Amino acid sequence: MEVTEFPRRNRLDLNTPAEKAIHDAIQEVEKVGADPKLTDIVIMLGKAKDLLSDFIDKE
């Protein structure tokens, strides 16, 4: 069986403080409730985290 490594960005223990802050912000928004606007916020924060991770991974 082949073992596949998870990307660094998906391992919270390897996230930078900035990536962790965005992750934490997503968790806090999720606690607010269910609403299409909140879903949009979570999606935008997720995209921001992905862009930050792309930048960090290129360094």
PDB file of N, CA and C in Angstrom:
ATOM      1  N   MET A   1       0.846  -1.185   0.000  1.00  0.00           N
ATOM      2  CA  MET A   1       0.000   0.000   0.000  1.00  0.00           C
ATOM      3  C   MET A   1       0.886   1.240   0.000  1.00  0.00           C
ATOM      4  N   GLU A   2       0.566   2.206  -0.850  1.00  0.00           N
ATOM      5  CA  GLU A   2       1.340   3.435  -0.954  1.00  0.00           C
ATOM      6  C   GLU A   2       0.823   4.469   0.042  1.00  0.00           C
ATOM      7  N   VAL A   3       1.730   5.089   0.758  1.00  0.00           N
ATOM      8  CA  VAL A   3       1.360   6.124   1.719  1.00  0.00           C
ATOM      9  C   VAL A   3       1.511   7.480   1.031  1.00  0.00           C
ATOM     10  N   THR A   4       0.440   8.252   1.069  1.00  0.00           N
ATOM     11  CA  THR A   4       0.451   9.561   0.460  1.00  0.00           C
ATOM     12  C   THR A   4       0.568  10.617   1.550  1.00  0.00           C
ATOM     13  N   GLU A   5       1.511  11.537   1.387  1.00  0.00           N
ATOM     14  CA  GLU A   5       1.668  12.604   2.354  1.00  0.00           C
ATOM     15  C   GLU A   5       0.627  13.684   2.114  1.00  0.00           C
ATOM     16  N   PHE A   6       0.159  14.277   3.218  1.00  0.00           N
ATOM     17  CA  PHE A   6      -0.751  15.401   3.116  1.00  0.00           C
ATOM     18  C   PHE A   6       0.070  16.654   2.815  1.00  0.00           C
ATOM     19  N   PRO A   7      -0.471  17.552   2.019  1.00  0.00           N
ATOM     20  CA  PRO A   7       0.238  18.813   1.774  1.00  0.00           C
ATOM     21  C   PRO A   7       0.459  19.566   3.092  1.00  0.00           C
ATOM     22  N   ARG A   8       1.553  20.302   3.175  1.00  0.00           N
ATOM     23  CA  ARG A   8       1.877  21.053   4.382  1.00  0.00           C
ATOM     24  C   ARG A   8       0.712  21.941   4.804  1.00  0.00           C
ATOM     25  N   ARG A   9       0.066  22.579   3.845  1.00  0.00           N
ATOM     26  CA  ARG A   9      -1.020  23.511   4.163  1.00  0.00           C
ATOM     27  C   ARG A   9      -2.201  22.840   4.867  1.00  0.00           C
ATOM     28  N   ASN A  10      -2.340  21.530   4.724  1.00  0.00           N
ATOM     29  CA  ASN A  10      -3.449  20.820   5.357  1.00  0.00           C
ATOM     30  C   ASN A  10      -3.112  20.282   6.741  1.00  0.00           C
ATOM     31  N   ARG A  11      -1.883  20.506   7.183  1.00  0.00           N
ATOM     32  CA  ARG A  11      -1.461  20.058   8.508  1.00  0.00           C
ATOM     33  C   ARG A  11      -1.332  21.271   9.419  1.00  0.00           C
ATOM     34  N   LEU A  12      -2.268  21.399  10.357  1.00  0.00           N
ATOM     35  CA  LEU A  12      -2.263  22.564  11.237  1.00  0.00           C
ATOM     36  C   LEU A  12      -0.960  22.697  12.009  1.00  0.00           C
ATOM     37  N   ASP A  13      -0.323  21.582  12.322  1.00  0.00           N
ATOM     38  CA  ASP A  13       0.933  21.653  13.062  1.00  0.00           C
ATOM     39  C   ASP A  13       2.069  22.243  12.226  1.00  0.00           C
ATOM     40  N   LEU A  14       1.896  22.323  10.916  1.00  0.00           N
ATOM     41  CA  LEU A  14       2.915  22.904  10.039  1.00  0.00           C
ATOM     42  C   LEU A  14       2.508  24.275   9.488  1.00  0.00           C
ATOM     43  N   ASN A  15       1.307  24.733   9.845  1.00  0.00           N
ATOM     44  CA  ASN A  15       0.859  26.049   9.374  1.00  0.00           C
ATOM     45  C   ASN A  15       1.651  27.163  10.042  1.00  0.00           C
ATOM     46  N   THR A  16       1.863  28.235   9.285  1.00  0.00           N
ATOM     47  CA  THR A  16       2.497  29.423   9.848  1.00  0.00           C
ATOM     48  C   THR A  16       1.471  30.131  10.742  1.00  0.00           C
ATOM     49  N   PRO A  17       1.924  31.060  11.578  1.00  0.00           N
ATOM     50  CA  PRO A  17       0.959  31.804  12.397  1.00  0.00           C
ATOM     51  C   PRO A  17      -0.115  32.512  11.560  1.00  0.00           C
ATOM     52  N   ALA A  18       0.247  33.040  10.410  1.00  0.00           N
ATOM     53  CA  ALA A  18      -0.739  33.720   9.557  1.00  0.00           C
ATOM     54  C   ALA A  18      -1.779  32.731   9.019  1.00  0.00           C
ATOM     55  N   GLU A  19      -1.323  31.563   8.590  1.00  0.00           N
ATOM     56  CA  GLU A  19      -2.270  30.545   8.099  1.00  0.00           C
ATOM     57  C   GLU A  19      -3.188  30.091   9.233  1.00  0.00           C
ATOM     58  N   LYS A  20      -2.627  29.913  10.403  1.00  0.00           N
ATOM     59  CA  LYS A  20      -3.421  29.472  11.565  1.00  0.00           C
ATOM     60  C   LYS A  20      -4.452  30.535  11.936  1.00  0.00           C
ATOM     61  N   ALA A  21      -4.083  31.811  11.821  1.00  0.00           N
ATOM     62  CA  ALA A  21      -5.024  32.889  12.135  1.00  0.00           C
ATOM     63  C   ALA A  21      -6.231  32.859  11.197  1.00  0.00           C
ATOM     64  N   ILE A  22      -5.990  32.616   9.924  1.00  0.00           N
ATOM     65  CA  ILE A  22      -7.103  32.524   8.973  1.00  0.00           C
ATOM     66  C   ILE A  22      -7.953  31.299   9.289  1.00  0.00           C
ATOM     67  N   HIS A  23      -7.303  30.177   9.593  1.00  0.00           N
ATOM     68  CA  HIS A  23      -8.040  28.966   9.975  1.00  0.00           C
ATOM     69  C   HIS A  23      -8.933  29.255  11.189  1.00  0.00           C
ATOM     70  N   ASP A  24      -8.363  29.920  12.181  1.00  0.00           N
ATOM     71  CA  ASP A  24      -9.128  30.240  13.392  1.00  0.00           C
ATOM     72  C   ASP A  24     -10.289  31.181  13.085  1.00  0.00           C
ATOM     73  N   ALA A  25     -10.068  32.141  12.169  1.00  0.00           N
ATOM     74  CA  ALA A  25     -11.147  33.049  11.776  1.00  0.00           C
ATOM     75  C   ALA A  25     -12.294  32.280  11.122  1.00  0.00           C
ATOM     76  N   ILE A  26     -11.958  31.316  10.292  1.00  0.00           N
ATOM     77  CA  ILE A  26     -12.992  30.478   9.667  1.00  0.00           C
ATOM     78  C   ILE A  26     -13.795  29.747  10.731  1.00  0.00           C
ATOM     79  N   GLN A  27     -13.113  29.196  11.718  1.00  0.00           N
ATOM     80  CA  GLN A  27     -13.801  28.468  12.792  1.00  0.00           C
ATOM     81  C   GLN A  27     -14.751  29.388  13.562  1.00  0.00           C
ATOM     82  N   GLU A  28     -14.321  30.620  13.798  1.00  0.00           N
ATOM     83  CA  GLU A  28     -15.171  31.569  14.526  1.00  0.00           C
ATOM     84  C   GLU A  28     -16.400  31.961  13.709  1.00  0.00           C
ATOM     85  N   VAL A  29     -16.236  32.176  12.419  1.00  0.00           N
ATOM     86  CA  VAL A  29     -17.376  32.503  11.558  1.00  0.00           C
ATOM     87  C   VAL A  29     -18.359  31.337  11.540  1.00  0.00           C
ATOM     88  N   GLU A  30     -17.841  30.112  11.498  1.00  0.00           N
ATOM     89  CA  GLU A  30     -18.715  28.929  11.492  1.00  0.00           C
ATOM     90  C   GLU A  30     -19.579  28.870  12.760  1.00  0.00           C
ATOM     91  N   LYS A  31     -19.079  29.380  13.862  1.00  0.00           N
ATOM     92  CA  LYS A  31     -19.823  29.367  15.133  1.00  0.00           C
ATOM     93  C   LYS A  31     -20.986  30.355  15.151  1.00  0.00           C
ATOM     94  N   VAL A  32     -20.948  31.368  14.265  1.00  0.00           N
ATOM     95  CA  VAL A  32     -21.967  32.412  14.270  1.00  0.00           C
ATOM     96  C   VAL A  32     -23.328  31.863  13.861  1.00  0.00           C
ATOM     97  N   GLY A  33     -23.346  30.941  12.936  1.00  0.00           N
ATOM     98  CA  GLY A  33     -24.613  30.376  12.506  1.00  0.00           C
ATOM     99  C   GLY A  33     -24.589  30.000  11.038  1.00  0.00           C
ATOM    100  N   ALA A  34     -25.796  29.796  10.516  1.00  0.00           N
ATOM    101  CA  ALA A  34     -25.937  29.377   9.125  1.00  0.00           C
ATOM    102  C   ALA A  34     -26.656  30.477   8.349  1.00  0.00           C
ATOM    103  N   ASP A  35     -25.960  30.990   7.335  1.00  0.00           N
ATOM    104  CA  ASP A  35     -26.537  32.029   6.490  1.00  0.00           C
ATOM    105  C   ASP A  35     -25.695  32.075   5.214  1.00  0.00           C
ATOM    106  N   PRO A  36     -26.321  32.330   4.087  1.00  0.00           N
ATOM    107  CA  PRO A  36     -25.547  32.392   2.844  1.00  0.00           C
ATOM    108  C   PRO A  36     -24.394  33.407   2.890  1.00  0.00           C
ATOM    109  N   LYS A  37     -24.590  34.523   3.586  1.00  0.00           N
ATOM    110  CA  LYS A  37     -23.520  35.516   3.690  1.00  0.00           C
ATOM    111  C   LYS A  37     -22.344  34.967   4.494  1.00  0.00           C
ATOM    112  N   LEU A  38     -22.636  34.211   5.541  1.00  0.00           N
ATOM    113  CA  LEU A  38     -21.563  33.607   6.335  1.00  0.00           C
ATOM    114  C   LEU A  38     -20.821  32.560   5.510  1.00  0.00           C
ATOM    115  N   THR A  39     -21.566  31.829   4.696  1.00  0.00           N
ATOM    116  CA  THR A  39     -20.923  30.848   3.805  1.00  0.00           C
ATOM    117  C   THR A  39     -19.982  31.559   2.844  1.00  0.00           C
ATOM    118  N   ASP A  40     -20.420  32.702   2.306  1.00  0.00           N
ATOM    119  CA  ASP A  40     -19.550  33.481   1.410  1.00  0.00           C
ATOM    120  C   ASP A  40     -18.274  33.910   2.128  1.00  0.00           C
ATOM    121  N   ILE A  41     -18.400  34.320   3.376  1.00  0.00           N
ATOM    122  CA  ILE A  41     -17.233  34.741   4.157  1.00  0.00           C
ATOM    123  C   ILE A  41     -16.265  33.581   4.336  1.00  0.00           C
ATOM    124  N   VAL A  42     -16.794  32.410   4.682  1.00  0.00           N
ATOM    125  CA  VAL A  42     -15.938  31.232   4.869  1.00  0.00           C
ATOM    126  C   VAL A  42     -15.221  30.878   3.574  1.00  0.00           C
ATOM    127  N   ILE A  43     -15.933  30.958   2.455  1.00  0.00           N
ATOM    128  CA  ILE A  43     -15.319  30.665   1.156  1.00  0.00           C
ATOM    129  C   ILE A  43     -14.199  31.662   0.858  1.00  0.00           C
ATOM    130  N   MET A  44     -14.451  32.941   1.108  1.00  0.00           N
ATOM    131  CA  MET A  44     -13.426  33.960   0.855  1.00  0.00           C
ATOM    132  C   MET A  44     -12.209  33.763   1.755  1.00  0.00           C
ATOM    133  N   LEU A  45     -12.443  33.464   3.016  1.00  0.00           N
ATOM    134  CA  LEU A  45     -11.320  33.211   3.922  1.00  0.00           C
ATOM    135  C   LEU A  45     -10.536  31.976   3.486  1.00  0.00           C
ATOM    136  N   GLY A  46     -11.248  30.957   3.031  1.00  0.00           N
ATOM    137  CA  GLY A  46     -10.577  29.758   2.534  1.00  0.00           C
ATOM    138  C   GLY A  46      -9.695  30.066   1.330  1.00  0.00           C
ATOM    139  N   LYS A  47     -10.198  30.907   0.434  1.00  0.00           N
ATOM    140  CA  LYS A  47      -9.391  31.304  -0.730  1.00  0.00           C
ATOM    141  C   LYS A  47      -8.172  32.111  -0.288  1.00  0.00           C
ATOM    142  N   ALA A  48      -8.365  32.976   0.702  1.00  0.00           N
ATOM    143  CA  ALA A  48      -7.245  33.768   1.211  1.00  0.00           C
ATOM    144  C   ALA A  48      -6.181  32.860   1.816  1.00  0.00           C
ATOM    145  N   LYS A  49      -6.603  31.849   2.554  1.00  0.00           N
ATOM    146  CA  LYS A  49      -5.647  30.910   3.157  1.00  0.00           C
ATOM    147  C   LYS A  49      -4.907  30.139   2.068  1.00  0.00           C
ATOM    148  N   ASP A  50      -5.624  29.717   1.029  1.00  0.00           N
ATOM    149  CA  ASP A  50      -4.981  29.001  -0.081  1.00  0.00           C
ATOM    150  C   ASP A  50      -3.936  29.872  -0.777  1.00  0.00           C
ATOM    151  N   LEU A  51      -4.275  31.140  -1.016  1.00  0.00           N
ATOM    152  CA  LEU A  51      -3.325  32.054  -1.658  1.00  0.00           C
ATOM    153  C   LEU A  51      -2.095  32.268  -0.775  1.00  0.00           C
ATOM    154  N   LEU A  52      -2.317  32.426   0.518  1.00  0.00           N
ATOM    155  CA  LEU A  52      -1.202  32.588   1.446  1.00  0.00           C
ATOM    156  C   LEU A  52      -0.336  31.342   1.450  1.00  0.00           C
ATOM    157  N   SER A  53      -0.967  30.180   1.485  1.00  0.00           N
ATOM    158  CA  SER A  53      -0.215  28.921   1.468  1.00  0.00           C
ATOM    159  C   SER A  53       0.582  28.772   0.179  1.00  0.00           C
ATOM    160  N   ASP A  54      -0.011  29.151  -0.945  1.00  0.00           N
ATOM    161  CA  ASP A  54       0.720  29.114  -2.222  1.00  0.00           C
ATOM    162  C   ASP A  54       1.972  29.985  -2.134  1.00  0.00           C
ATOM    163  N   PHE A  55       1.814  31.170  -1.576  1.00  0.00           N
ATOM    164  CA  PHE A  55       2.955  32.085  -1.438  1.00  0.00           C
ATOM    165  C   PHE A  55       4.032  31.478  -0.532  1.00  0.00           C
ATOM    166  N   ILE A  56       3.618  30.956   0.595  1.00  0.00           N
ATOM    167  CA  ILE A  56       4.567  30.373   1.556  1.00  0.00           C
ATOM    168  C   ILE A  56       5.268  29.169   0.954  1.00  0.00           C
ATOM    169  N   ASP A  57       4.537  28.342   0.237  1.00  0.00           N
ATOM    170  CA  ASP A  57       5.133  27.142  -0.355  1.00  0.00           C
ATOM    171  C   ASP A  57       6.152  27.466  -1.443  1.00  0.00           C
ATOM    172  N   LYS A  58       6.033  28.634  -2.073  1.00  0.00           N
ATOM    173  CA  LYS A  58       6.990  29.032  -3.104  1.00  0.00           C
ATOM    174  C   LYS A  58       8.262  29.609  -2.513  1.00  0.00           C
ATOM    175  N   GLU A  59       8.198  30.055  -1.262  1.00  0.00           N
ATOM    176  CA  GLU A  59       9.377  30.653  -0.612  1.00  0.00           C
ATOM    177  C   GLU A  59      10.414  29.609  -0.316  1.00  0.00           C
TER     178      GLU A  59
END
